[in-house]
Amino acid sequence: MTPQPFTVADVMTKKVVAVLPGADFKEIVAAMERWKVTAVPVVEGEGRVVGVVSEADLLLKEEFHDHRLGLVEQMRRLDATAKAGSRRAEGLMTSPAVTVTPEASLPRAARLMAAHRVKRLPVVDAEGRIQGIVSRADLLKVFLRSDDELAAEVRREVVEHLFPLSHRQVAVRVDAGVVTLSGEVRDGALIPLAARLARAVEGVVDVRCVLTAADRG
């Protein structure tokens, strides 16, 4: 049995700082400063996410404040110059927003962040309504699980399922997130699988597997 993976819903922040499309520039800056965030979702209607305004979007106004662009550069950076000339969220935001669902796995959220070079993702339901926000720091929360908690899950979800007849001969130790599996098991063919499944447990940093197969001769 594969260990049950954590989802975005397990680690996301449910209290979300968001702005409306009509929010003005200074209102957005003030919200970011007050709540110590680097980006805010833009929502309309019943909380449907239509975009995201980030610090990078806002800084374009400063970048072009006293810098006149040539025609070629204007054409090359149309989106940036448009944002620099905007005063409200609807013109400043990046749209469509890169979002993730509560049921998504943590690796999927991490891949989305890396692919789109963003630090946080709005979490939305099937209708696109805001449910929370997940940041890079949130994705690292699983590594705060205690060694005892990790050891108990590895034993319950991996060792006892794979080795029902010899699980009592298997020792599971965890030190700073590193799992060590030792002892003798009846089915040596399952040892590589045990190592892979232990590594898949959320919060495990690494696995050291020194299990051996019992000599039946």
N, C-alpha and C. Protein backbone atom coordinates (compact mmCIF):
# COMPACT_ATOMS: atom_id res chain seq x y z
N MET A 1 0.85 -1.20 0.00
CA MET A 1 0.00 0.00 0.00
C MET A 1 0.87 1.24 0.00
N THR A 2 0.61 2.17 -0.94
CA THR A 2 1.39 3.40 -1.01
C THR A 2 0.97 4.35 0.09
N PRO A 3 1.93 4.97 0.81
CA PRO A 3 1.57 5.94 1.84
C PRO A 3 0.67 7.03 1.28
N GLN A 4 -0.32 7.45 2.08
CA GLN A 4 -1.25 8.49 1.63
C GLN A 4 -0.52 9.83 1.52
N PRO A 5 -0.47 10.41 0.32
CA PRO A 5 0.28 11.66 0.17
C PRO A 5 -0.46 12.85 0.74
N PHE A 6 0.29 13.83 1.20
CA PHE A 6 -0.31 15.09 1.61
C PHE A 6 -0.79 15.82 0.36
N THR A 7 -1.80 16.64 0.52
CA THR A 7 -2.30 17.46 -0.57
C THR A 7 -2.14 18.93 -0.23
N VAL A 8 -2.39 19.77 -1.21
CA VAL A 8 -2.31 21.22 -0.99
C VAL A 8 -3.24 21.64 0.15
N ALA A 9 -4.40 21.00 0.27
CA ALA A 9 -5.35 21.35 1.33
C ALA A 9 -4.75 21.16 2.72
N ASP A 10 -3.80 20.23 2.85
CA ASP A 10 -3.20 19.95 4.16
C ASP A 10 -2.25 21.06 4.61
N VAL A 11 -1.70 21.82 3.69
CA VAL A 11 -0.66 22.79 4.06
C VAL A 11 -1.00 24.23 3.70
N MET A 12 -2.05 24.45 2.93
CA MET A 12 -2.34 25.81 2.45
C MET A 12 -2.78 26.73 3.59
N THR A 13 -2.65 28.03 3.37
CA THR A 13 -3.15 29.04 4.29
C THR A 13 -4.56 29.40 3.85
N LYS A 14 -5.53 29.24 4.74
CA LYS A 14 -6.92 29.46 4.36
C LYS A 14 -7.33 30.93 4.41
N LYS A 15 -6.61 31.71 5.22
CA LYS A 15 -6.90 33.14 5.30
C LYS A 15 -6.16 33.83 4.16
N VAL A 16 -6.91 34.37 3.20
CA VAL A 16 -6.31 34.92 1.99
C VAL A 16 -6.51 36.43 1.91
N VAL A 17 -5.44 37.13 1.59
CA VAL A 17 -5.52 38.56 1.31
C VAL A 17 -5.73 38.72 -0.19
N ALA A 18 -6.85 39.26 -0.58
CA ALA A 18 -7.17 39.41 -2.00
C ALA A 18 -7.67 40.83 -2.26
N VAL A 19 -7.65 41.23 -3.52
CA VAL A 19 -8.15 42.56 -3.90
C VAL A 19 -9.13 42.41 -5.06
N LEU A 20 -9.94 43.44 -5.24
CA LEU A 20 -10.88 43.46 -6.36
C LEU A 20 -10.21 44.06 -7.60
N PRO A 21 -10.76 43.80 -8.77
CA PRO A 21 -10.15 44.35 -9.99
C PRO A 21 -10.01 45.87 -9.97
N GLY A 22 -10.88 46.55 -9.23
CA GLY A 22 -10.83 48.00 -9.20
C GLY A 22 -9.91 48.58 -8.15
N ALA A 23 -9.22 47.73 -7.39
CA ALA A 23 -8.30 48.23 -6.35
C ALA A 23 -7.20 49.06 -6.98
N ASP A 24 -6.90 50.22 -6.36
CA ASP A 24 -5.87 51.07 -6.96
C ASP A 24 -4.47 50.67 -6.50
N PHE A 25 -3.49 51.24 -7.16
CA PHE A 25 -2.09 50.87 -6.97
C PHE A 25 -1.68 50.95 -5.50
N LYS A 26 -1.95 52.08 -4.86
CA LYS A 26 -1.52 52.27 -3.48
C LYS A 26 -2.25 51.33 -2.52
N GLU A 27 -3.49 51.04 -2.83
CA GLU A 27 -4.26 50.09 -2.01
C GLU A 27 -3.61 48.71 -2.04
N ILE A 28 -3.14 48.31 -3.21
CA ILE A 28 -2.49 47.00 -3.35
C ILE A 28 -1.17 46.98 -2.59
N VAL A 29 -0.37 48.05 -2.75
CA VAL A 29 0.90 48.13 -2.04
C VAL A 29 0.68 48.09 -0.54
N ALA A 30 -0.33 48.82 -0.06
CA ALA A 30 -0.63 48.85 1.38
C ALA A 30 -1.03 47.47 1.89
N ALA A 31 -1.83 46.74 1.10
CA ALA A 31 -2.25 45.40 1.51
C ALA A 31 -1.06 44.45 1.61
N MET A 32 -0.15 44.53 0.64
CA MET A 32 1.04 43.67 0.68
C MET A 32 1.90 43.99 1.90
N GLU A 33 2.06 45.28 2.18
CA GLU A 33 2.88 45.68 3.32
C GLU A 33 2.23 45.26 4.64
N ARG A 34 0.94 45.46 4.75
CA ARG A 34 0.25 45.14 6.01
C ARG A 34 0.30 43.65 6.31
N TRP A 35 0.08 42.83 5.29
CA TRP A 35 -0.01 41.39 5.52
C TRP A 35 1.29 40.65 5.20
N LYS A 36 2.33 41.41 4.84
CA LYS A 36 3.66 40.82 4.59
C LYS A 36 3.61 39.71 3.55
N VAL A 37 2.98 40.01 2.41
CA VAL A 37 2.92 39.05 1.30
C VAL A 37 3.55 39.69 0.07
N THR A 38 3.94 38.86 -0.88
CA THR A 38 4.61 39.36 -2.09
C THR A 38 3.70 39.33 -3.31
N ALA A 39 2.47 38.84 -3.14
CA ALA A 39 1.52 38.81 -4.25
C ALA A 39 0.12 38.65 -3.66
N VAL A 40 -0.88 39.17 -4.40
CA VAL A 40 -2.27 39.04 -3.96
C VAL A 40 -3.14 38.59 -5.12
N PRO A 41 -4.07 37.65 -4.89
CA PRO A 41 -5.00 37.27 -5.94
C PRO A 41 -5.98 38.43 -6.20
N VAL A 42 -6.45 38.51 -7.43
CA VAL A 42 -7.49 39.46 -7.79
C VAL A 42 -8.76 38.66 -8.00
N VAL A 43 -9.82 39.00 -7.27
CA VAL A 43 -11.05 38.20 -7.32
C VAL A 43 -12.23 39.09 -7.71
N GLU A 44 -13.22 38.45 -8.31
CA GLU A 44 -14.46 39.15 -8.65
C GLU A 44 -15.64 38.25 -8.34
N GLY A 45 -16.84 38.82 -8.36
CA GLY A 45 -18.03 38.04 -8.11
C GLY A 45 -18.01 37.38 -6.74
N GLU A 46 -18.19 36.07 -6.72
CA GLU A 46 -18.23 35.31 -5.47
C GLU A 46 -16.87 34.72 -5.12
N GLY A 47 -15.83 35.46 -5.44
CA GLY A 47 -14.49 35.01 -5.09
C GLY A 47 -13.77 34.28 -6.19
N ARG A 48 -14.20 34.45 -7.43
CA ARG A 48 -13.52 33.78 -8.54
C ARG A 48 -12.22 34.50 -8.87
N VAL A 49 -11.13 33.75 -8.94
CA VAL A 49 -9.81 34.33 -9.18
C VAL A 49 -9.66 34.66 -10.66
N VAL A 50 -9.35 35.94 -10.95
CA VAL A 50 -9.18 36.35 -12.34
C VAL A 50 -7.74 36.74 -12.66
N GLY A 51 -6.89 36.82 -11.64
CA GLY A 51 -5.49 37.18 -11.87
C GLY A 51 -4.74 37.28 -10.55
N VAL A 52 -3.48 37.64 -10.67
CA VAL A 52 -2.62 37.83 -9.50
C VAL A 52 -1.76 39.06 -9.74
N VAL A 53 -1.64 39.91 -8.72
CA VAL A 53 -0.72 41.05 -8.77
C VAL A 53 0.44 40.74 -7.85
N SER A 54 1.65 40.77 -8.38
CA SER A 54 2.85 40.49 -7.60
C SER A 54 3.70 41.74 -7.45
N GLU A 55 4.69 41.67 -6.58
CA GLU A 55 5.63 42.78 -6.44
C GLU A 55 6.29 43.09 -7.78
N ALA A 56 6.60 42.05 -8.55
CA ALA A 56 7.23 42.26 -9.85
C ALA A 56 6.35 43.09 -10.77
N ASP A 57 5.03 42.85 -10.73
CA ASP A 57 4.10 43.62 -11.54
C ASP A 57 4.12 45.09 -11.13
N LEU A 58 4.14 45.33 -9.83
CA LEU A 58 4.10 46.70 -9.33
C LEU A 58 5.40 47.45 -9.59
N LEU A 59 6.51 46.73 -9.53
CA LEU A 59 7.81 47.39 -9.72
C LEU A 59 8.04 47.87 -11.14
N LEU A 60 7.23 47.40 -12.09
CA LEU A 60 7.36 47.89 -13.46
C LEU A 60 7.11 49.39 -13.54
N LYS A 61 6.22 49.89 -12.67
CA LYS A 61 5.95 51.33 -12.68
C LYS A 61 7.19 52.11 -12.28
N GLU A 62 7.94 51.57 -11.31
CA GLU A 62 9.18 52.23 -10.90
C GLU A 62 10.25 52.09 -11.98
N GLU A 63 10.30 50.92 -12.61
CA GLU A 63 11.31 50.68 -13.64
C GLU A 63 11.18 51.67 -14.79
N PHE A 64 9.94 51.95 -15.21
CA PHE A 64 9.73 52.83 -16.35
C PHE A 64 9.42 54.28 -15.96
N HIS A 65 9.59 54.59 -14.65
CA HIS A 65 9.21 55.91 -14.15
C HIS A 65 9.93 57.04 -14.88
N ASP A 66 11.25 56.92 -15.07
CA ASP A 66 12.00 57.97 -15.74
C ASP A 66 12.82 57.42 -16.91
N HIS A 67 12.29 56.33 -17.50
CA HIS A 67 13.02 55.69 -18.59
C HIS A 67 12.14 55.65 -19.84
N ARG A 68 12.51 56.41 -20.85
CA ARG A 68 11.77 56.43 -22.11
C ARG A 68 12.26 55.31 -23.02
N LEU A 69 11.33 54.49 -23.46
CA LEU A 69 11.69 53.34 -24.31
C LEU A 69 11.66 53.72 -25.78
N GLY A 70 12.56 53.12 -26.54
CA GLY A 70 12.51 53.26 -27.98
C GLY A 70 11.39 52.42 -28.54
N LEU A 71 11.04 52.64 -29.80
CA LEU A 71 9.92 51.94 -30.42
C LEU A 71 10.11 50.43 -30.40
N VAL A 72 11.32 49.97 -30.70
CA VAL A 72 11.59 48.53 -30.74
C VAL A 72 11.38 47.92 -29.36
N GLU A 73 11.90 48.58 -28.32
CA GLU A 73 11.76 48.04 -26.96
C GLU A 73 10.31 48.10 -26.51
N GLN A 74 9.58 49.14 -26.92
CA GLN A 74 8.16 49.22 -26.58
C GLN A 74 7.40 48.03 -27.16
N MET A 75 7.70 47.70 -28.42
CA MET A 75 7.02 46.58 -29.07
C MET A 75 7.39 45.25 -28.40
N ARG A 76 8.63 45.15 -27.98
CA ARG A 76 9.10 43.90 -27.36
C ARG A 76 8.52 43.72 -25.96
N ARG A 77 8.20 44.81 -25.29
CA ARG A 77 7.73 44.72 -23.91
C ARG A 77 6.35 45.35 -23.75
N LEU A 78 5.48 45.02 -24.67
CA LEU A 78 4.13 45.60 -24.64
C LEU A 78 3.41 45.34 -23.33
N ASP A 79 3.47 44.09 -22.86
CA ASP A 79 2.76 43.74 -21.63
C ASP A 79 3.33 44.52 -20.44
N ALA A 80 4.67 44.61 -20.38
CA ALA A 80 5.30 45.31 -19.26
C ALA A 80 4.97 46.79 -19.27
N THR A 81 5.02 47.41 -20.45
CA THR A 81 4.73 48.84 -20.52
C THR A 81 3.26 49.13 -20.22
N ALA A 82 2.38 48.21 -20.60
CA ALA A 82 0.96 48.38 -20.29
C ALA A 82 0.74 48.35 -18.78
N LYS A 83 1.40 47.42 -18.11
CA LYS A 83 1.28 47.34 -16.65
C LYS A 83 1.85 48.59 -15.99
N ALA A 84 2.98 49.07 -16.51
CA ALA A 84 3.62 50.24 -15.94
C ALA A 84 2.71 51.47 -16.01
N GLY A 85 1.84 51.50 -17.02
CA GLY A 85 0.94 52.64 -17.17
C GLY A 85 -0.40 52.45 -16.49
N SER A 86 -0.61 51.33 -15.83
CA SER A 86 -1.89 51.03 -15.19
C SER A 86 -1.91 51.51 -13.74
N ARG A 87 -3.13 51.78 -13.25
CA ARG A 87 -3.28 52.24 -11.87
C ARG A 87 -4.15 51.32 -11.04
N ARG A 88 -4.79 50.36 -11.68
CA ARG A 88 -5.70 49.47 -10.95
C ARG A 88 -5.32 48.00 -11.17
N ALA A 89 -5.81 47.17 -10.26
CA ALA A 89 -5.46 45.75 -10.27
C ALA A 89 -5.76 45.09 -11.60
N GLU A 90 -6.88 45.47 -12.23
CA GLU A 90 -7.28 44.82 -13.49
C GLU A 90 -6.25 45.05 -14.60
N GLY A 91 -5.50 46.14 -14.52
CA GLY A 91 -4.48 46.40 -15.51
C GLY A 91 -3.10 45.97 -15.09
N LEU A 92 -2.92 45.80 -13.79
CA LEU A 92 -1.61 45.42 -13.24
C LEU A 92 -1.42 43.92 -13.15
N MET A 93 -2.53 43.19 -13.04
CA MET A 93 -2.44 41.76 -12.73
C MET A 93 -1.92 40.94 -13.90
N THR A 94 -1.37 39.77 -13.54
CA THR A 94 -1.03 38.75 -14.52
C THR A 94 -2.24 37.83 -14.64
N SER A 95 -2.73 37.67 -15.86
CA SER A 95 -3.95 36.89 -16.07
C SER A 95 -3.82 36.07 -17.36
N PRO A 96 -4.34 34.83 -17.38
CA PRO A 96 -5.01 34.16 -16.27
C PRO A 96 -4.03 33.76 -15.18
N ALA A 97 -4.55 33.65 -13.97
CA ALA A 97 -3.70 33.29 -12.84
C ALA A 97 -3.31 31.82 -12.91
N VAL A 98 -2.11 31.52 -12.45
CA VAL A 98 -1.68 30.13 -12.30
C VAL A 98 -2.24 29.66 -10.96
N THR A 99 -3.11 28.68 -10.99
CA THR A 99 -3.78 28.22 -9.77
C THR A 99 -3.59 26.72 -9.58
N VAL A 100 -4.02 26.25 -8.42
CA VAL A 100 -3.93 24.84 -8.10
C VAL A 100 -5.17 24.47 -7.30
N THR A 101 -5.57 23.21 -7.32
CA THR A 101 -6.75 22.77 -6.58
C THR A 101 -6.34 22.23 -5.21
N PRO A 102 -7.27 22.20 -4.24
CA PRO A 102 -6.94 21.68 -2.91
C PRO A 102 -6.48 20.22 -2.94
N GLU A 103 -6.97 19.45 -3.93
CA GLU A 103 -6.65 18.03 -3.99
C GLU A 103 -5.30 17.75 -4.64
N ALA A 104 -4.67 18.75 -5.19
CA ALA A 104 -3.39 18.55 -5.88
C ALA A 104 -2.31 18.10 -4.91
N SER A 105 -1.39 17.30 -5.41
CA SER A 105 -0.27 16.84 -4.57
C SER A 105 0.74 17.96 -4.38
N LEU A 106 1.56 17.86 -3.36
CA LEU A 106 2.58 18.87 -3.12
C LEU A 106 3.62 18.91 -4.24
N PRO A 107 4.05 17.76 -4.79
CA PRO A 107 4.98 17.83 -5.93
C PRO A 107 4.38 18.58 -7.13
N ARG A 108 3.08 18.40 -7.38
CA ARG A 108 2.46 19.12 -8.49
C ARG A 108 2.50 20.63 -8.25
N ALA A 109 2.19 21.04 -7.02
CA ALA A 109 2.23 22.47 -6.69
C ALA A 109 3.65 23.01 -6.86
N ALA A 110 4.63 22.23 -6.41
CA ALA A 110 6.03 22.67 -6.53
C ALA A 110 6.44 22.80 -8.00
N ARG A 111 5.99 21.86 -8.83
CA ARG A 111 6.33 21.92 -10.26
C ARG A 111 5.69 23.13 -10.93
N LEU A 112 4.45 23.46 -10.54
CA LEU A 112 3.79 24.63 -11.10
C LEU A 112 4.54 25.91 -10.73
N MET A 113 4.95 25.99 -9.47
CA MET A 113 5.70 27.17 -9.03
C MET A 113 7.00 27.31 -9.81
N ALA A 114 7.70 26.21 -9.98
CA ALA A 114 8.98 26.25 -10.69
C ALA A 114 8.78 26.60 -12.16
N ALA A 115 7.78 25.99 -12.79
CA ALA A 115 7.56 26.20 -14.22
C ALA A 115 7.16 27.63 -14.53
N HIS A 116 6.40 28.24 -13.63
CA HIS A 116 5.90 29.60 -13.88
C HIS A 116 6.67 30.66 -13.09
N ARG A 117 7.68 30.22 -12.35
CA ARG A 117 8.55 31.13 -11.60
C ARG A 117 7.75 32.03 -10.66
N VAL A 118 6.86 31.41 -9.89
CA VAL A 118 6.08 32.15 -8.90
C VAL A 118 6.35 31.56 -7.51
N LYS A 119 6.09 32.37 -6.49
CA LYS A 119 6.38 31.96 -5.12
C LYS A 119 5.15 31.45 -4.38
N ARG A 120 3.97 31.70 -4.94
CA ARG A 120 2.75 31.25 -4.29
C ARG A 120 1.67 31.04 -5.33
N LEU A 121 0.70 30.19 -4.98
CA LEU A 121 -0.39 29.86 -5.91
C LEU A 121 -1.73 30.03 -5.21
N PRO A 122 -2.70 30.70 -5.85
CA PRO A 122 -4.05 30.68 -5.32
C PRO A 122 -4.60 29.26 -5.42
N VAL A 123 -5.32 28.85 -4.39
CA VAL A 123 -5.94 27.52 -4.38
C VAL A 123 -7.43 27.73 -4.67
N VAL A 124 -7.93 27.09 -5.72
CA VAL A 124 -9.30 27.33 -6.15
C VAL A 124 -10.09 26.03 -6.26
N ASP A 125 -11.42 26.16 -6.16
CA ASP A 125 -12.29 24.98 -6.34
C ASP A 125 -12.60 24.81 -7.82
N ALA A 126 -13.51 23.89 -8.13
CA ALA A 126 -13.81 23.56 -9.52
C ALA A 126 -14.40 24.74 -10.29
N GLU A 127 -15.01 25.70 -9.58
CA GLU A 127 -15.58 26.88 -10.22
C GLU A 127 -14.61 28.05 -10.25
N GLY A 128 -13.37 27.83 -9.79
CA GLY A 128 -12.38 28.90 -9.80
C GLY A 128 -12.45 29.84 -8.63
N ARG A 129 -13.22 29.49 -7.59
CA ARG A 129 -13.36 30.36 -6.42
C ARG A 129 -12.23 30.12 -5.44
N ILE A 130 -11.76 31.18 -4.85
CA ILE A 130 -10.60 31.12 -3.96
C ILE A 130 -10.91 30.30 -2.71
N GLN A 131 -10.01 29.37 -2.38
CA GLN A 131 -10.13 28.53 -1.18
C GLN A 131 -8.98 28.76 -0.21
N GLY A 132 -7.89 29.26 -0.72
CA GLY A 132 -6.70 29.46 0.12
C GLY A 132 -5.54 29.91 -0.74
N ILE A 133 -4.37 29.91 -0.14
CA ILE A 133 -3.15 30.25 -0.85
C ILE A 133 -2.06 29.30 -0.39
N VAL A 134 -1.21 28.86 -1.30
CA VAL A 134 -0.11 27.96 -0.92
C VAL A 134 1.19 28.59 -1.39
N SER A 135 2.16 28.63 -0.50
CA SER A 135 3.45 29.25 -0.79
C SER A 135 4.56 28.21 -0.76
N ARG A 136 5.75 28.63 -1.16
CA ARG A 136 6.89 27.73 -1.07
C ARG A 136 7.09 27.27 0.36
N ALA A 137 6.96 28.20 1.31
CA ALA A 137 7.15 27.85 2.72
C ALA A 137 6.12 26.81 3.17
N ASP A 138 4.88 26.91 2.66
CA ASP A 138 3.85 25.93 3.02
C ASP A 138 4.24 24.54 2.57
N LEU A 139 4.84 24.45 1.36
CA LEU A 139 5.22 23.13 0.83
C LEU A 139 6.30 22.48 1.68
N LEU A 140 7.05 23.28 2.42
CA LEU A 140 8.11 22.73 3.27
C LEU A 140 7.60 22.30 4.64
N LYS A 141 6.33 22.57 4.95
CA LYS A 141 5.79 22.24 6.28
C LYS A 141 5.88 20.75 6.59
N VAL A 142 5.79 19.91 5.54
CA VAL A 142 5.82 18.46 5.80
C VAL A 142 7.15 18.04 6.42
N PHE A 143 8.21 18.84 6.20
CA PHE A 143 9.50 18.47 6.77
C PHE A 143 9.62 18.88 8.24
N LEU A 144 8.55 19.44 8.80
CA LEU A 144 8.52 19.75 10.23
C LEU A 144 7.91 18.60 11.03
N ARG A 145 7.47 17.54 10.34
CA ARG A 145 6.92 16.39 11.06
C ARG A 145 8.01 15.77 11.93
N SER A 146 7.62 15.33 13.12
CA SER A 146 8.61 14.78 14.05
C SER A 146 9.14 13.43 13.58
N ASP A 147 10.33 13.08 14.07
CA ASP A 147 10.92 11.77 13.72
C ASP A 147 10.03 10.63 14.19
N ASP A 148 9.42 10.78 15.36
CA ASP A 148 8.54 9.73 15.89
C ASP A 148 7.32 9.53 14.98
N GLU A 149 6.77 10.65 14.49
CA GLU A 149 5.61 10.56 13.59
C GLU A 149 5.98 9.88 12.29
N LEU A 150 7.15 10.22 11.76
CA LEU A 150 7.60 9.59 10.51
C LEU A 150 7.85 8.10 10.70
N ALA A 151 8.49 7.76 11.82
CA ALA A 151 8.79 6.35 12.08
C ALA A 151 7.50 5.54 12.19
N ALA A 152 6.50 6.11 12.87
CA ALA A 152 5.22 5.40 13.03
C ALA A 152 4.54 5.18 11.68
N GLU A 153 4.60 6.19 10.80
CA GLU A 153 3.95 6.04 9.50
C GLU A 153 4.70 5.04 8.62
N VAL A 154 6.02 5.09 8.63
CA VAL A 154 6.80 4.13 7.82
C VAL A 154 6.51 2.71 8.29
N ARG A 155 6.45 2.52 9.59
CA ARG A 155 6.17 1.16 10.10
C ARG A 155 4.77 0.72 9.72
N ARG A 156 3.79 1.60 9.93
CA ARG A 156 2.39 1.24 9.68
C ARG A 156 2.09 1.07 8.20
N GLU A 157 2.53 2.03 7.36
CA GLU A 157 2.12 2.06 5.96
C GLU A 157 3.06 1.29 5.02
N VAL A 158 4.28 1.05 5.47
CA VAL A 158 5.24 0.37 4.59
C VAL A 158 5.62 -1.00 5.14
N VAL A 159 6.23 -1.01 6.31
CA VAL A 159 6.78 -2.27 6.84
C VAL A 159 5.69 -3.30 7.10
N GLU A 160 4.63 -2.92 7.80
CA GLU A 160 3.60 -3.90 8.17
C GLU A 160 2.82 -4.39 6.94
N HIS A 161 2.69 -3.58 5.91
CA HIS A 161 1.98 -4.00 4.71
C HIS A 161 2.84 -4.90 3.82
N LEU A 162 4.11 -4.54 3.68
CA LEU A 162 4.97 -5.34 2.80
C LEU A 162 5.43 -6.64 3.44
N PHE A 163 5.65 -6.61 4.75
CA PHE A 163 6.22 -7.78 5.43
C PHE A 163 5.31 -8.23 6.59
N PRO A 164 4.11 -8.71 6.29
CA PRO A 164 3.17 -9.07 7.36
C PRO A 164 3.68 -10.19 8.26
N LEU A 165 4.53 -11.06 7.74
CA LEU A 165 5.00 -12.19 8.54
C LEU A 165 6.30 -11.90 9.28
N SER A 166 7.05 -10.91 8.83
CA SER A 166 8.35 -10.65 9.46
C SER A 166 8.54 -9.20 9.88
N HIS A 167 7.45 -8.43 9.97
CA HIS A 167 7.60 -7.01 10.28
C HIS A 167 8.19 -6.77 11.66
N ARG A 168 7.99 -7.74 12.58
CA ARG A 168 8.55 -7.55 13.93
C ARG A 168 10.07 -7.66 13.94
N GLN A 169 10.65 -8.21 12.90
CA GLN A 169 12.11 -8.31 12.81
C GLN A 169 12.73 -7.07 12.13
N VAL A 170 11.88 -6.10 11.75
CA VAL A 170 12.37 -4.90 11.07
C VAL A 170 12.41 -3.73 12.06
N ALA A 171 13.56 -3.09 12.13
CA ALA A 171 13.71 -1.89 12.96
C ALA A 171 13.58 -0.65 12.08
N VAL A 172 12.80 0.31 12.54
CA VAL A 172 12.63 1.58 11.83
C VAL A 172 13.13 2.70 12.74
N ARG A 173 14.20 3.35 12.31
CA ARG A 173 14.75 4.49 13.06
C ARG A 173 14.73 5.71 12.17
N VAL A 174 14.42 6.86 12.77
CA VAL A 174 14.41 8.11 12.02
C VAL A 174 15.21 9.15 12.81
N ASP A 175 16.15 9.76 12.13
CA ASP A 175 16.99 10.78 12.75
C ASP A 175 17.06 11.99 11.81
N ALA A 176 16.49 13.11 12.26
CA ALA A 176 16.45 14.33 11.45
C ALA A 176 15.82 14.09 10.08
N GLY A 177 14.79 13.25 10.05
CA GLY A 177 14.08 12.98 8.81
C GLY A 177 14.65 11.88 7.97
N VAL A 178 15.82 11.34 8.35
CA VAL A 178 16.45 10.26 7.60
C VAL A 178 16.03 8.92 8.19
N VAL A 179 15.40 8.09 7.38
CA VAL A 179 14.88 6.80 7.82
C VAL A 179 15.92 5.71 7.62
N THR A 180 16.11 4.87 8.64
CA THR A 180 16.97 3.70 8.51
C THR A 180 16.12 2.45 8.74
N LEU A 181 16.10 1.57 7.76
CA LEU A 181 15.40 0.29 7.87
C LEU A 181 16.44 -0.81 8.01
N SER A 182 16.31 -1.62 9.06
CA SER A 182 17.27 -2.70 9.27
C SER A 182 16.55 -3.94 9.78
N GLY A 183 17.22 -5.08 9.65
CA GLY A 183 16.64 -6.34 10.10
C GLY A 183 16.52 -7.33 8.97
N GLU A 184 15.86 -8.46 9.26
CA GLU A 184 15.69 -9.52 8.26
C GLU A 184 14.24 -9.67 7.87
N VAL A 185 14.02 -9.88 6.58
CA VAL A 185 12.66 -10.09 6.08
C VAL A 185 12.62 -11.38 5.28
N ARG A 186 11.45 -11.95 5.14
CA ARG A 186 11.32 -13.22 4.43
C ARG A 186 11.45 -13.06 2.91
N ASP A 187 10.89 -11.98 2.39
CA ASP A 187 10.88 -11.79 0.93
C ASP A 187 11.87 -10.69 0.55
N GLY A 188 13.07 -11.11 0.17
CA GLY A 188 14.10 -10.14 -0.18
C GLY A 188 13.78 -9.33 -1.42
N ALA A 189 12.92 -9.84 -2.28
CA ALA A 189 12.57 -9.13 -3.51
C ALA A 189 11.82 -7.83 -3.23
N LEU A 190 11.24 -7.75 -2.03
CA LEU A 190 10.46 -6.55 -1.69
C LEU A 190 11.30 -5.46 -1.03
N ILE A 191 12.57 -5.72 -0.78
CA ILE A 191 13.41 -4.73 -0.09
C ILE A 191 13.53 -3.42 -0.88
N PRO A 192 13.82 -3.46 -2.19
CA PRO A 192 13.89 -2.18 -2.94
C PRO A 192 12.58 -1.40 -2.91
N LEU A 193 11.46 -2.12 -2.94
CA LEU A 193 10.16 -1.46 -2.88
C LEU A 193 9.95 -0.80 -1.52
N ALA A 194 10.39 -1.47 -0.47
CA ALA A 194 10.27 -0.89 0.87
C ALA A 194 11.02 0.44 0.96
N ALA A 195 12.21 0.49 0.37
CA ALA A 195 12.99 1.73 0.38
C ALA A 195 12.28 2.84 -0.40
N ARG A 196 11.70 2.49 -1.56
CA ARG A 196 11.01 3.49 -2.37
C ARG A 196 9.78 4.03 -1.66
N LEU A 197 9.00 3.14 -1.06
CA LEU A 197 7.79 3.57 -0.37
C LEU A 197 8.11 4.40 0.86
N ALA A 198 9.16 4.05 1.56
CA ALA A 198 9.56 4.84 2.74
C ALA A 198 9.98 6.24 2.31
N ARG A 199 10.68 6.33 1.19
CA ARG A 199 11.11 7.63 0.68
C ARG A 199 9.91 8.48 0.25
N ALA A 200 8.80 7.83 -0.13
CA ALA A 200 7.61 8.54 -0.58
C ALA A 200 6.78 9.11 0.56
N VAL A 201 7.08 8.73 1.78
CA VAL A 201 6.34 9.28 2.93
C VAL A 201 6.65 10.77 3.05
N GLU A 202 5.60 11.59 3.14
CA GLU A 202 5.78 13.04 3.19
C GLU A 202 6.58 13.44 4.42
N GLY A 203 7.65 14.19 4.20
CA GLY A 203 8.49 14.65 5.29
C GLY A 203 9.77 13.87 5.45
N VAL A 204 9.89 12.74 4.75
CA VAL A 204 11.13 11.96 4.81
C VAL A 204 12.19 12.65 3.95
N VAL A 205 13.37 12.85 4.53
CA VAL A 205 14.46 13.52 3.82
C VAL A 205 15.26 12.53 2.98
N ASP A 206 15.52 11.35 3.54
CA ASP A 206 16.28 10.32 2.83
C ASP A 206 16.03 8.99 3.50
N VAL A 207 16.44 7.91 2.84
CA VAL A 207 16.25 6.56 3.38
C VAL A 207 17.55 5.78 3.27
N ARG A 208 17.90 5.14 4.36
CA ARG A 208 19.05 4.21 4.39
C ARG A 208 18.47 2.82 4.65
N CYS A 209 18.56 1.97 3.66
CA CYS A 209 17.96 0.63 3.77
C CYS A 209 19.04 -0.42 3.87
N VAL A 210 19.11 -1.08 5.01
CA VAL A 210 20.08 -2.17 5.22
C VAL A 210 19.36 -3.48 5.57
N LEU A 211 18.17 -3.62 5.05
CA LEU A 211 17.41 -4.85 5.25
C LEU A 211 18.10 -6.01 4.53
N THR A 212 17.99 -7.19 5.09
CA THR A 212 18.54 -8.38 4.46
C THR A 212 17.45 -9.46 4.38
N ALA A 213 17.63 -10.39 3.46
CA ALA A 213 16.67 -11.48 3.31
C ALA A 213 17.09 -12.63 4.20
N ALA A 214 16.13 -13.20 4.90
CA ALA A 214 16.41 -14.33 5.77
C ALA A 214 16.86 -15.52 4.95
N ASP A 215 17.85 -16.24 5.48
CA ASP A 215 18.34 -17.45 4.82
C ASP A 215 17.39 -18.59 5.11
N ARG A 216 16.74 -19.09 4.05
CA ARG A 216 15.78 -20.18 4.24
C ARG A 216 16.42 -21.55 4.05
N GLY A 217 17.72 -21.51 3.77
CA GLY A 217 18.37 -22.80 3.56
C GLY A 217 18.63 -23.51 4.84
